[in-house]
Amino acid sequence: MTSPPKISTFVSDKATLNTAVTAGASHLIIDSPSVSLRSFVESDGRIDFSMYDELKRMAKEHDPKIEITAHCDLLIHDSQYTLLETFLTEIKRVNISSIRIQDPGLIPYLKTSWPECQIHFASELGNHNTLSASYFSEFCSHQSLSNELTHREIKEIIDTSSSSFDILVQGPILIQYSKRPFLSGRTEDTLHVPITKLAHDLDYPGREFIFHENHHGHFMYLYFDRNLLR
């Protein structure tokens, strides 16, 4: 008998956690704006990881078998290692041993500093193929597949790799990122306040590309969300 699909989703506070577990999610990815590039949670600029302890406790009270992963999709710059160490110290303290990353440079860093950590490599912006999936399987217990793969390519990767995999079923598709802020009127004092604007495609009326900025940088999203629910 084929096991039912596992539903993974992001949670950032009590409200999103309650929505997720009520809907039947079996894997919660705790999303802090301090270390999450793509978090849509508004940040006041302070570094605060106290949410991990409370959200994990709430999730386990609902279902002791629910999976918990800490999200850190930063593309780490040298100036951010202190932030990274603070993050790792906190999730170790609350006994979360699964981390979702997108910076491949963090793989050897984590393997050295925390060998027992379960690494979830989520590089949706990269070109995944059987060779790269096989390579990262040597270091990562789980991988997120690229949004560009066909059904045939996905099947081939899954059949030839020892990792487990997930794929984006519903959500926005990121197509560009820069650490620099590009939207006008941004200053160092206002970078922690996220803003969103739309760009209209003059050649295709109705297509509105989403531009979002937070304290991590500038993001461009496709004009539609991915939806594979059918």
Protein backbone atom coordinates (compact mmCIF):
# COMPACT_ATOMS: atom_id res chain seq x y z
CA MET A 1 0.00 0.00 0.00
CA THR A 2 1.32 3.43 -0.97
CA SER A 3 1.75 5.75 2.00
CA PRO A 4 -0.18 9.04 1.86
CA PRO A 5 1.77 12.13 0.81
CA LYS A 6 3.37 14.16 3.57
CA ILE A 7 2.19 17.75 3.76
CA SER A 8 4.95 20.19 4.72
CA THR A 9 4.27 23.86 5.32
CA PHE A 10 5.77 26.94 6.95
CA VAL A 11 4.61 28.24 10.31
CA SER A 12 5.71 31.47 11.97
CA ASP A 13 3.34 32.02 14.90
CA LYS A 14 0.48 30.42 16.84
CA ALA A 15 -2.13 31.32 14.22
CA THR A 16 -0.28 29.76 11.27
CA LEU A 17 0.60 26.70 13.36
CA ASN A 18 -3.04 26.13 14.31
CA THR A 19 -4.09 26.49 10.67
CA ALA A 20 -1.44 24.00 9.55
CA VAL A 21 -2.14 21.27 12.08
CA THR A 22 -5.91 21.64 11.67
CA ALA A 23 -5.50 21.16 7.92
CA GLY A 24 -3.51 17.97 8.47
CA ALA A 25 0.10 19.06 7.96
CA SER A 26 2.52 16.42 9.20
CA HIS A 27 5.73 18.43 8.83
CA LEU A 28 6.11 21.99 10.12
CA ILE A 29 8.94 24.27 8.99
CA ILE A 30 9.38 27.02 11.59
CA ASP A 31 10.06 30.25 9.74
CA SER A 32 11.81 33.09 11.58
CA PRO A 33 12.31 36.36 9.64
CA SER A 34 15.73 36.69 11.30
CA VAL A 35 17.17 33.81 9.23
CA SER A 36 14.57 33.38 6.48
CA LEU A 37 15.16 35.30 3.27
CA ARG A 38 11.68 34.73 1.88
CA SER A 39 9.65 35.11 5.05
CA PHE A 40 6.63 37.38 4.62
CA VAL A 41 6.47 37.88 8.40
CA GLU A 42 7.09 41.49 9.35
CA SER A 43 10.28 41.95 11.38
CA ASP A 44 11.14 44.76 13.75
CA GLY A 45 14.84 44.20 13.10
CA ARG A 46 15.54 42.43 16.39
CA ILE A 47 17.08 38.96 16.56
CA ASP A 48 14.60 36.79 18.41
CA PHE A 49 14.43 32.99 18.29
CA SER A 50 12.17 32.45 21.29
CA MET A 51 9.41 31.30 18.92
CA TYR A 52 11.07 27.92 18.34
CA ASP A 53 10.51 26.60 21.85
CA GLU A 54 6.85 27.64 22.05
CA LEU A 55 5.85 26.53 18.55
CA LYS A 56 7.55 23.16 18.93
CA ARG A 57 5.77 22.57 22.24
CA MET A 58 2.39 23.50 20.75
CA ALA A 59 2.92 21.22 17.74
CA LYS A 60 3.95 18.25 19.86
CA GLU A 61 0.94 18.74 22.14
CA HIS A 62 -1.27 18.41 19.05
CA ASP A 63 0.62 15.42 17.62
CA PRO A 64 3.72 13.92 19.29
CA LYS A 65 4.79 12.42 15.93
CA ILE A 66 4.70 15.66 13.96
CA GLU A 67 8.00 16.56 12.29
CA ILE A 68 9.68 19.89 13.08
CA THR A 69 12.32 21.59 10.94
CA ALA A 70 14.02 24.95 11.49
CA HIS A 71 14.25 27.12 8.39
CA CYS A 72 17.43 29.01 7.47
CA ASP A 73 17.53 29.84 3.77
CA LEU A 74 20.08 32.65 4.13
CA LEU A 75 22.80 32.89 1.52
CA ILE A 76 25.39 33.42 4.23
CA HIS A 77 27.76 36.38 4.02
CA ASP A 78 30.85 36.52 6.21
CA SER A 79 29.22 39.16 8.41
CA GLN A 80 26.36 36.77 9.28
CA TYR A 81 28.22 33.96 11.04
CA THR A 82 27.45 35.42 14.46
CA LEU A 83 23.74 35.37 13.55
CA LEU A 84 24.11 31.80 12.31
CA GLU A 85 25.76 30.68 15.56
CA THR A 86 23.00 32.32 17.62
CA PHE A 87 20.40 30.50 15.53
CA LEU A 88 22.14 27.12 15.87
CA THR A 89 22.60 27.55 19.63
CA GLU A 90 18.88 28.16 20.09
CA ILE A 91 17.60 25.26 17.98
CA LYS A 92 20.05 22.93 19.71
CA ARG A 93 18.71 24.14 23.04
CA VAL A 94 15.12 23.29 22.10
CA ASN A 95 16.22 19.99 20.54
CA ILE A 96 15.40 20.62 16.89
CA SER A 97 17.92 18.66 14.83
CA SER A 98 16.51 19.17 11.31
CA ILE A 99 17.53 22.32 9.39
CA ARG A 100 16.30 23.48 5.98
CA ILE A 101 18.99 25.42 4.09
CA GLN A 102 19.60 26.65 0.54
CA ASP A 103 23.26 27.70 0.81
CA PRO A 104 25.41 24.65 -0.14
CA GLY A 105 28.35 26.21 1.70
CA LEU A 106 26.54 25.52 4.97
CA ILE A 107 26.63 21.76 4.38
CA PRO A 108 30.33 21.26 5.32
CA TYR A 109 29.94 23.90 8.05
CA LEU A 110 27.08 21.96 9.67
CA LYS A 111 28.74 18.60 9.15
CA THR A 112 31.77 19.85 11.06
CA SER A 113 30.06 21.82 13.82
CA TRP A 114 27.00 19.60 14.29
CA PRO A 115 27.52 16.14 12.72
CA GLU A 116 24.21 14.69 13.96
CA CYS A 117 22.17 17.47 12.32
CA GLN A 118 19.69 16.35 9.64
CA ILE A 119 20.19 18.63 6.64
CA HIS A 120 17.28 19.46 4.33
CA PHE A 121 18.79 21.03 1.19
CA ALA A 122 16.25 23.26 -0.55
CA SER A 123 17.81 24.93 -3.59
CA GLU A 124 14.74 25.64 -5.70
CA LEU A 125 16.64 28.27 -7.70
CA GLY A 126 19.26 25.76 -8.86
CA ASN A 127 19.22 23.40 -11.84
CA HIS A 128 18.66 20.01 -10.25
CA ASN A 129 19.52 16.86 -12.18
CA THR A 130 20.38 13.25 -11.33
CA LEU A 131 24.06 14.08 -10.82
CA SER A 132 23.49 16.97 -8.39
CA ALA A 133 20.75 15.09 -6.50
CA SER A 134 23.03 12.08 -6.16
CA TYR A 135 25.91 14.26 -4.97
CA PHE A 136 23.90 16.06 -2.30
CA SER A 137 22.41 12.75 -1.13
CA GLU A 138 25.82 11.94 0.33
CA PHE A 139 25.46 14.81 2.80
CA CYS A 140 21.75 15.63 3.07
CA SER A 141 18.92 13.42 4.29
CA HIS A 142 16.30 15.40 2.37
CA GLN A 143 16.14 17.65 -0.71
CA SER A 144 13.62 19.99 -2.33
CA LEU A 145 13.37 19.54 -6.07
CA SER A 146 13.64 22.39 -8.56
CA ASN A 147 10.41 23.92 -9.86
CA GLU A 148 11.66 23.47 -13.44
CA LEU A 149 11.78 19.67 -13.50
CA THR A 150 9.44 17.53 -15.60
CA HIS A 151 7.57 14.50 -14.26
CA ARG A 152 10.03 12.19 -16.08
CA GLU A 153 13.06 13.97 -14.60
CA ILE A 154 11.57 13.90 -11.10
CA LYS A 155 10.97 10.15 -11.34
CA GLU A 156 14.52 9.51 -12.56
CA ILE A 157 16.03 11.56 -9.71
CA ILE A 158 13.93 9.82 -7.06
CA ASP A 159 14.76 6.39 -8.47
CA THR A 160 18.53 7.00 -8.46
CA SER A 161 19.07 8.92 -5.20
CA SER A 162 19.12 7.86 -1.56
CA SER A 163 17.63 11.15 -0.28
CA SER A 164 13.97 11.75 0.39
CA PHE A 165 12.42 14.60 -1.60
CA ASP A 166 9.68 17.19 -1.61
CA ILE A 167 8.37 19.58 -4.23
CA LEU A 168 6.46 22.86 -4.11
CA VAL A 169 2.77 22.08 -4.58
CA GLN A 170 1.27 25.47 -3.74
CA GLY A 171 3.01 28.80 -3.34
CA PRO A 172 4.86 31.74 -4.93
CA ILE A 173 7.76 31.11 -7.32
CA LEU A 174 10.89 33.18 -6.74
CA ILE A 175 12.74 34.07 -9.95
CA GLN A 176 15.30 36.66 -8.76
CA TYR A 177 17.03 37.67 -5.53
CA SER A 178 19.60 40.32 -4.59
CA LYS A 179 20.92 41.33 -1.18
CA ARG A 180 20.69 44.96 -2.28
CA PRO A 181 17.47 46.99 -1.94
CA PHE A 182 16.29 48.38 -5.29
CA LEU A 183 12.89 49.92 -4.57
CA SER A 184 13.01 53.69 -4.22
CA GLY A 185 12.92 55.49 -0.91
CA ARG A 186 14.65 52.78 1.14
CA THR A 187 17.07 53.81 3.87
CA GLU A 188 18.95 51.89 6.57
CA ASP A 189 16.30 53.00 9.06
CA THR A 190 13.41 51.56 7.04
CA LEU A 191 14.92 48.36 5.61
CA HIS A 192 13.31 46.24 8.35
CA VAL A 193 9.83 47.29 7.12
CA PRO A 194 8.85 44.97 4.24
CA ILE A 195 7.24 46.52 1.15
CA THR A 196 5.63 44.96 -1.92
CA LYS A 197 5.03 46.47 -5.35
CA LEU A 198 3.72 45.18 -8.69
CA ALA A 199 5.18 45.50 -12.19
CA HIS A 200 2.77 45.25 -15.14
CA ASP A 201 3.88 43.40 -18.27
CA LEU A 202 2.92 45.75 -21.12
CA ASP A 203 3.11 42.96 -23.71
CA TYR A 204 0.77 40.72 -21.73
CA PRO A 205 -1.99 42.71 -19.98
CA GLY A 206 -3.01 41.16 -16.68
CA ARG A 207 0.40 39.75 -15.81
CA GLU A 208 1.61 41.40 -12.61
CA PHE A 209 5.07 40.47 -11.35
CA ILE A 210 5.52 40.86 -7.59
CA PHE A 211 8.52 42.74 -6.20
CA HIS A 212 9.09 42.34 -2.48
CA GLU A 213 11.76 43.78 -0.20
CA ASN A 214 12.57 43.00 3.41
CA HIS A 215 15.67 43.44 5.57
CA HIS A 216 17.35 40.58 3.67
CA GLY A 217 17.11 42.16 0.22
CA HIS A 218 15.11 42.34 -3.00
CA PHE A 219 12.91 39.59 -4.46
CA MET A 220 11.07 39.17 -7.75
CA TYR A 221 8.27 36.61 -7.99
CA LEU A 222 6.46 35.15 -10.98
CA TYR A 223 3.06 36.60 -11.86
CA PHE A 224 1.26 33.45 -10.67
CA ASP A 225 1.62 30.99 -7.80
CA ARG A 226 2.46 27.38 -8.51
CA ASN A 227 -0.51 25.06 -8.02
CA LEU A 228 -0.19 21.29 -8.51
CA LEU A 229 -3.14 20.38 -6.27
CA ARG A 230 -4.96 18.63 -9.12
